[in-house]
Amino acid sequence: LRLYLEHSASSANCAMLSCACTMAFFGLLRISEYTCPTTTYFDSSLHLLLRDVSVNVHRGMAYVKIKASKTDPFRVGAVVKLGVTNTALCPVAALLHYLRVRPGVDGPLFVFTNGNFSTHRHVSAFIQGALGGDASVNTHSLRIGGASALAAINTPAYVIKKIGRWKSDAFLAYIRLL
């Protein structure tokens, strides 16, 4: 995905899509937790906004306030914690880079340079374009991949369940180990 981005989008849009995908993978985010329903509409009580994200550089952590999800019917919310990985795929580094080039507007976190908000359709089209239209890979693959990566390093199932904000053990069906 990163190689595709380097050749297909403006640098700010590239940083935005890279950050969104990296955060989705490491934070086990659902697409509805970080995108807007349309390019011009958002609900500040539901959607991820710029003000919902903070970074503590000294601790090497980013904090993402998820206000609502399908397993949170009472909208209690959750804070997703992302740590520095010191690798080429680092969610904190991707977020810091994106915040430096992000258009200076309030509202949703993920905004294209033309002012449009990132949607499920944008992320899906990006993934499909990067992978040559492989229909078996979609936005949910980032969440599945993150859970699978955690399982591959022997993270206990109860920890993966908590990180992914799953209420049942259904996530076990998503884990794919080589």
C-alpha atoms as a PDB file:
ATOM      1  CA  LEU A   1       0.000   0.000   0.000  1.00  0.00           C
ATOM      2  CA  ARG A   2       2.807   2.403   0.864  1.00  0.00           C
ATOM      3  CA  LEU A   3       4.586   1.873  -2.467  1.00  0.00           C
ATOM      4  CA  TYR A   4       1.334   2.477  -4.329  1.00  0.00           C
ATOM      5  CA  LEU A   5       0.742   5.695  -2.409  1.00  0.00           C
ATOM      6  CA  GLU A   6       4.150   7.056  -3.283  1.00  0.00           C
ATOM      7  CA  HIS A   7       3.236   6.943  -6.974  1.00  0.00           C
ATOM      8  CA  SER A   8      -0.460   7.783  -6.987  1.00  0.00           C
ATOM      9  CA  ALA A   9      -1.388  10.779  -4.835  1.00  0.00           C
ATOM     10  CA  SER A  10      -0.279  14.240  -3.851  1.00  0.00           C
ATOM     11  CA  SER A  11       2.041  14.202  -0.865  1.00  0.00           C
ATOM     12  CA  ALA A  12      -0.621  15.480   1.556  1.00  0.00           C
ATOM     13  CA  ASN A  13      -3.258  13.057   0.264  1.00  0.00           C
ATOM     14  CA  CYS A  14      -0.670  10.281   0.352  1.00  0.00           C
ATOM     15  CA  ALA A  15       0.124  11.114   3.975  1.00  0.00           C
ATOM     16  CA  MET A  16      -3.579  11.111   4.813  1.00  0.00           C
ATOM     17  CA  LEU A  17      -4.308   7.706   3.272  1.00  0.00           C
ATOM     18  CA  SER A  18      -1.115   6.227   4.685  1.00  0.00           C
ATOM     19  CA  CYS A  19      -1.968   7.503   8.155  1.00  0.00           C
ATOM     20  CA  ALA A  20      -5.571   6.252   7.944  1.00  0.00           C
ATOM     21  CA  CYS A  21      -4.513   2.757   6.873  1.00  0.00           C
ATOM     22  CA  THR A  22      -1.651   2.539   9.365  1.00  0.00           C
ATOM     23  CA  MET A  23      -3.866   3.678  12.239  1.00  0.00           C
ATOM     24  CA  ALA A  24      -6.603   1.254  11.140  1.00  0.00           C
ATOM     25  CA  PHE A  25      -4.131  -1.643  11.097  1.00  0.00           C
ATOM     26  CA  PHE A  26      -2.442  -0.930  14.432  1.00  0.00           C
ATOM     27  CA  GLY A  27      -5.598   0.299  16.192  1.00  0.00           C
ATOM     28  CA  LEU A  28      -7.822  -2.465  14.794  1.00  0.00           C
ATOM     29  CA  LEU A  29     -10.211   0.259  13.650  1.00  0.00           C
ATOM     30  CA  ARG A  30     -13.497  -0.305  11.880  1.00  0.00           C
ATOM     31  CA  ILE A  31     -13.895   1.799   8.720  1.00  0.00           C
ATOM     32  CA  SER A  32     -16.834   3.673  10.262  1.00  0.00           C
ATOM     33  CA  GLU A  33     -14.626   4.702  13.177  1.00  0.00           C
ATOM     34  CA  TYR A  34     -12.290   6.835  11.072  1.00  0.00           C
ATOM     35  CA  THR A  35     -14.179   7.916   7.950  1.00  0.00           C
ATOM     36  CA  CYS A  36     -17.207  10.102   7.233  1.00  0.00           C
ATOM     37  CA  PRO A  37     -20.396   8.977   5.473  1.00  0.00           C
ATOM     38  CA  THR A  38     -19.961  11.509   2.643  1.00  0.00           C
ATOM     39  CA  THR A  39     -17.268  13.883   1.403  1.00  0.00           C
ATOM     40  CA  THR A  40     -19.098  16.898   2.815  1.00  0.00           C
ATOM     41  CA  TYR A  41     -21.005  15.683   5.901  1.00  0.00           C
ATOM     42  CA  PHE A  42     -19.930  14.660   9.367  1.00  0.00           C
ATOM     43  CA  ASP A  43     -21.539  14.468  12.792  1.00  0.00           C
ATOM     44  CA  SER A  44     -19.230  15.740  15.517  1.00  0.00           C
ATOM     45  CA  SER A  45     -20.874  13.408  18.042  1.00  0.00           C
ATOM     46  CA  LEU A  46     -20.070  10.334  15.915  1.00  0.00           C
ATOM     47  CA  HIS A  47     -17.135  10.868  13.602  1.00  0.00           C
ATOM     48  CA  LEU A  48     -13.407  11.074  14.259  1.00  0.00           C
ATOM     49  CA  LEU A  49     -12.350  14.698  14.393  1.00  0.00           C
ATOM     50  CA  LEU A  50      -8.971  16.377  14.498  1.00  0.00           C
ATOM     51  CA  ARG A  51      -9.586  17.292  18.143  1.00  0.00           C
ATOM     52  CA  ASP A  52     -10.160  13.602  19.004  1.00  0.00           C
ATOM     53  CA  VAL A  53      -6.497  12.800  18.413  1.00  0.00           C
ATOM     54  CA  SER A  54      -3.527  13.690  20.574  1.00  0.00           C
ATOM     55  CA  VAL A  55       0.125  12.718  20.567  1.00  0.00           C
ATOM     56  CA  ASN A  56       2.477  12.511  23.530  1.00  0.00           C
ATOM     57  CA  VAL A  57       5.885  12.550  21.866  1.00  0.00           C
ATOM     58  CA  HIS A  58       7.747  11.976  25.138  1.00  0.00           C
ATOM     59  CA  ARG A  59       5.806   8.779  25.799  1.00  0.00           C
ATOM     60  CA  GLY A  60       5.795   7.753  22.141  1.00  0.00           C
ATOM     61  CA  MET A  61       2.016   7.401  22.141  1.00  0.00           C
ATOM     62  CA  ALA A  62      -0.935   8.634  20.121  1.00  0.00           C
ATOM     63  CA  TYR A  63      -4.434   8.613  21.567  1.00  0.00           C
ATOM     64  CA  VAL A  64      -7.503   8.324  19.348  1.00  0.00           C
ATOM     65  CA  LYS A  65     -10.931   8.924  20.887  1.00  0.00           C
ATOM     66  CA  ILE A  66     -13.490   6.691  19.181  1.00  0.00           C
ATOM     67  CA  LYS A  67     -16.908   8.148  19.994  1.00  0.00           C
ATOM     68  CA  ALA A  68     -19.142   5.394  18.660  1.00  0.00           C
ATOM     69  CA  SER A  69     -18.972   1.987  17.055  1.00  0.00           C
ATOM     70  CA  LYS A  70     -21.265  -0.915  16.322  1.00  0.00           C
ATOM     71  CA  THR A  71     -20.355  -2.596  19.620  1.00  0.00           C
ATOM     72  CA  ASP A  72     -20.911   0.605  21.603  1.00  0.00           C
ATOM     73  CA  PRO A  73     -24.674   1.253  21.383  1.00  0.00           C
ATOM     74  CA  PHE A  74     -24.649   3.674  24.329  1.00  0.00           C
ATOM     75  CA  ARG A  75     -21.778   5.709  22.829  1.00  0.00           C
ATOM     76  CA  VAL A  76     -19.529   5.413  25.836  1.00  0.00           C
ATOM     77  CA  GLY A  77     -16.578   5.651  23.487  1.00  0.00           C
ATOM     78  CA  ALA A  78     -13.091   4.254  23.729  1.00  0.00           C
ATOM     79  CA  VAL A  79      -9.567   5.562  23.542  1.00  0.00           C
ATOM     80  CA  VAL A  80      -7.348   3.659  21.159  1.00  0.00           C
ATOM     81  CA  LYS A  81      -3.691   3.862  22.147  1.00  0.00           C
ATOM     82  CA  LEU A  82      -1.081   3.630  19.426  1.00  0.00           C
ATOM     83  CA  GLY A  83       2.578   3.264  20.271  1.00  0.00           C
ATOM     84  CA  VAL A  84       5.769   4.049  18.409  1.00  0.00           C
ATOM     85  CA  THR A  85       7.052   0.978  16.565  1.00  0.00           C
ATOM     86  CA  ASN A  86      10.444   2.289  15.410  1.00  0.00           C
ATOM     87  CA  THR A  87       9.801   0.656  12.034  1.00  0.00           C
ATOM     88  CA  ALA A  88       8.829   1.929   8.584  1.00  0.00           C
ATOM     89  CA  LEU A  89       5.203   1.217   9.542  1.00  0.00           C
ATOM     90  CA  CYS A  90       4.722   3.328  12.639  1.00  0.00           C
ATOM     91  CA  PRO A  91       1.247   4.686  13.402  1.00  0.00           C
ATOM     92  CA  VAL A  92       2.598   7.529  15.542  1.00  0.00           C
ATOM     93  CA  ALA A  93       5.101   8.632  12.891  1.00  0.00           C
ATOM     94  CA  ALA A  94       2.397   8.404  10.196  1.00  0.00           C
ATOM     95  CA  LEU A  95       0.056  10.523  12.311  1.00  0.00           C
ATOM     96  CA  LEU A  96       2.703  13.148  13.086  1.00  0.00           C
ATOM     97  CA  HIS A  97       3.643  13.380   9.415  1.00  0.00           C
ATOM     98  CA  TYR A  98       0.019  13.706   8.344  1.00  0.00           C
ATOM     99  CA  LEU A  99      -0.708  16.367  10.956  1.00  0.00           C
ATOM    100  CA  ARG A 100       2.184  18.443   9.549  1.00  0.00           C
ATOM    101  CA  VAL A 101       0.715  18.426   6.021  1.00  0.00           C
ATOM    102  CA  ARG A 102      -3.004  18.245   6.839  1.00  0.00           C
ATOM    103  CA  PRO A 103      -5.131  21.140   5.580  1.00  0.00           C
ATOM    104  CA  GLY A 104      -5.594  23.671   8.383  1.00  0.00           C
ATOM    105  CA  VAL A 105      -9.327  23.188   8.887  1.00  0.00           C
ATOM    106  CA  ASP A 106     -11.369  21.982  11.832  1.00  0.00           C
ATOM    107  CA  GLY A 107     -13.590  18.966  11.457  1.00  0.00           C
ATOM    108  CA  PRO A 108     -12.863  15.366  10.511  1.00  0.00           C
ATOM    109  CA  LEU A 109      -9.329  14.091  11.026  1.00  0.00           C
ATOM    110  CA  PHE A 110      -8.945  12.726   7.525  1.00  0.00           C
ATOM    111  CA  VAL A 111      -9.369  15.472   4.924  1.00  0.00           C
ATOM    112  CA  PHE A 112      -8.133  15.615   1.339  1.00  0.00           C
ATOM    113  CA  THR A 113      -6.303  18.713   0.124  1.00  0.00           C
ATOM    114  CA  ASN A 114      -9.449  19.781  -1.764  1.00  0.00           C
ATOM    115  CA  GLY A 115     -11.353  19.889   1.553  1.00  0.00           C
ATOM    116  CA  ASN A 116     -13.354  16.697   1.005  1.00  0.00           C
ATOM    117  CA  PHE A 117     -13.620  14.289   3.912  1.00  0.00           C
ATOM    118  CA  SER A 118     -12.318  10.750   3.570  1.00  0.00           C
ATOM    119  CA  THR A 119     -15.060   8.148   3.168  1.00  0.00           C
ATOM    120  CA  HIS A 120     -15.349   4.370   3.113  1.00  0.00           C
ATOM    121  CA  ARG A 121     -15.406   4.616  -0.683  1.00  0.00           C
ATOM    122  CA  HIS A 122     -12.081   6.508  -0.790  1.00  0.00           C
ATOM    123  CA  VAL A 123     -10.233   4.036   1.430  1.00  0.00           C
ATOM    124  CA  SER A 124     -11.757   1.080  -0.401  1.00  0.00           C
ATOM    125  CA  ALA A 125     -10.822   2.512  -3.820  1.00  0.00           C
ATOM    126  CA  PHE A 126      -7.291   3.140  -2.613  1.00  0.00           C
ATOM    127  CA  ILE A 127      -6.900  -0.440  -1.358  1.00  0.00           C
ATOM    128  CA  GLN A 128      -8.424  -1.868  -4.546  1.00  0.00           C
ATOM    129  CA  GLY A 129      -6.185   0.315  -6.726  1.00  0.00           C
ATOM    130  CA  ALA A 130      -3.075  -0.647  -4.801  1.00  0.00           C
ATOM    131  CA  LEU A 131      -3.814  -4.346  -4.970  1.00  0.00           C
ATOM    132  CA  GLY A 132      -5.048  -4.549  -8.539  1.00  0.00           C
ATOM    133  CA  GLY A 133      -8.741  -4.944  -7.726  1.00  0.00           C
ATOM    134  CA  ASP A 134      -8.425  -8.084  -5.582  1.00  0.00           C
ATOM    135  CA  ALA A 135     -11.986  -8.313  -4.245  1.00  0.00           C
ATOM    136  CA  SER A 136     -10.883 -10.507  -1.344  1.00  0.00           C
ATOM    137  CA  VAL A 137      -9.028  -7.545   0.185  1.00  0.00           C
ATOM    138  CA  ASN A 138     -11.043  -4.612   1.504  1.00  0.00           C
ATOM    139  CA  THR A 139     -11.138  -2.040   4.290  1.00  0.00           C
ATOM    140  CA  HIS A 140     -11.903  -4.759   6.840  1.00  0.00           C
ATOM    141  CA  SER A 141      -8.623  -6.423   5.839  1.00  0.00           C
ATOM    142  CA  LEU A 142      -6.723  -3.752   7.801  1.00  0.00           C
ATOM    143  CA  ARG A 143      -8.544  -4.781  10.989  1.00  0.00           C
ATOM    144  CA  ILE A 144      -8.121  -8.470  10.191  1.00  0.00           C
ATOM    145  CA  GLY A 145      -4.436  -7.939   9.413  1.00  0.00           C
ATOM    146  CA  GLY A 146      -3.841  -6.095  12.671  1.00  0.00           C
ATOM    147  CA  ALA A 147      -5.520  -8.840  14.697  1.00  0.00           C
ATOM    148  CA  SER A 148      -3.595 -11.500  12.771  1.00  0.00           C
ATOM    149  CA  ALA A 149      -0.286  -9.683  13.343  1.00  0.00           C
ATOM    150  CA  LEU A 150      -0.982  -9.565  17.076  1.00  0.00           C
ATOM    151  CA  ALA A 151      -1.835 -13.279  17.100  1.00  0.00           C
ATOM    152  CA  ALA A 152       1.355 -14.045  15.149  1.00  0.00           C
ATOM    153  CA  ILE A 153       3.441 -12.586  17.983  1.00  0.00           C
ATOM    154  CA  ASN A 154       1.510 -14.664  20.524  1.00  0.00           C
ATOM    155  CA  THR A 155      -0.610 -11.859  21.942  1.00  0.00           C
ATOM    156  CA  PRO A 156      -3.261 -13.491  24.151  1.00  0.00           C
ATOM    157  CA  ALA A 157      -6.739 -13.622  22.608  1.00  0.00           C
ATOM    158  CA  TYR A 158      -8.270 -11.611  25.451  1.00  0.00           C
ATOM    159  CA  VAL A 159      -5.816  -8.764  24.724  1.00  0.00           C
ATOM    160  CA  ILE A 160      -6.614  -8.784  20.991  1.00  0.00           C
ATOM    161  CA  LYS A 161     -10.311  -8.769  21.880  1.00  0.00           C
ATOM    162  CA  LYS A 162      -9.853  -5.752  24.144  1.00  0.00           C
ATOM    163  CA  ILE A 163      -7.692  -3.798  21.683  1.00  0.00           C
ATOM    164  CA  GLY A 164     -10.206  -4.421  18.877  1.00  0.00           C
ATOM    165  CA  ARG A 165     -13.183  -3.575  21.085  1.00  0.00           C
ATOM    166  CA  TRP A 166     -14.899  -6.876  20.270  1.00  0.00           C
ATOM    167  CA  LYS A 167     -17.744  -7.941  22.571  1.00  0.00           C
ATOM    168  CA  SER A 168     -17.723 -11.577  21.450  1.00  0.00           C
ATOM    169  CA  ASP A 169     -15.121 -14.095  20.318  1.00  0.00           C
ATOM    170  CA  ALA A 170     -16.140 -13.637  16.662  1.00  0.00           C
ATOM    171  CA  PHE A 171     -12.757 -12.000  15.998  1.00  0.00           C
ATOM    172  CA  LEU A 172     -11.112 -15.433  16.302  1.00  0.00           C
ATOM    173  CA  ALA A 173     -12.550 -16.297  12.885  1.00  0.00           C
ATOM    174  CA  TYR A 174     -10.686 -13.303  11.403  1.00  0.00           C
ATOM    175  CA  ILE A 175      -7.223 -14.326  12.497  1.00  0.00           C
ATOM    176  CA  ARG A 176      -5.144 -15.703   9.665  1.00  0.00           C
ATOM    177  CA  LEU A 177      -1.730 -17.133  10.384  1.00  0.00           C
ATOM    178  CA  LEU A 178       0.651 -18.355   7.684  1.00  0.00           C
END
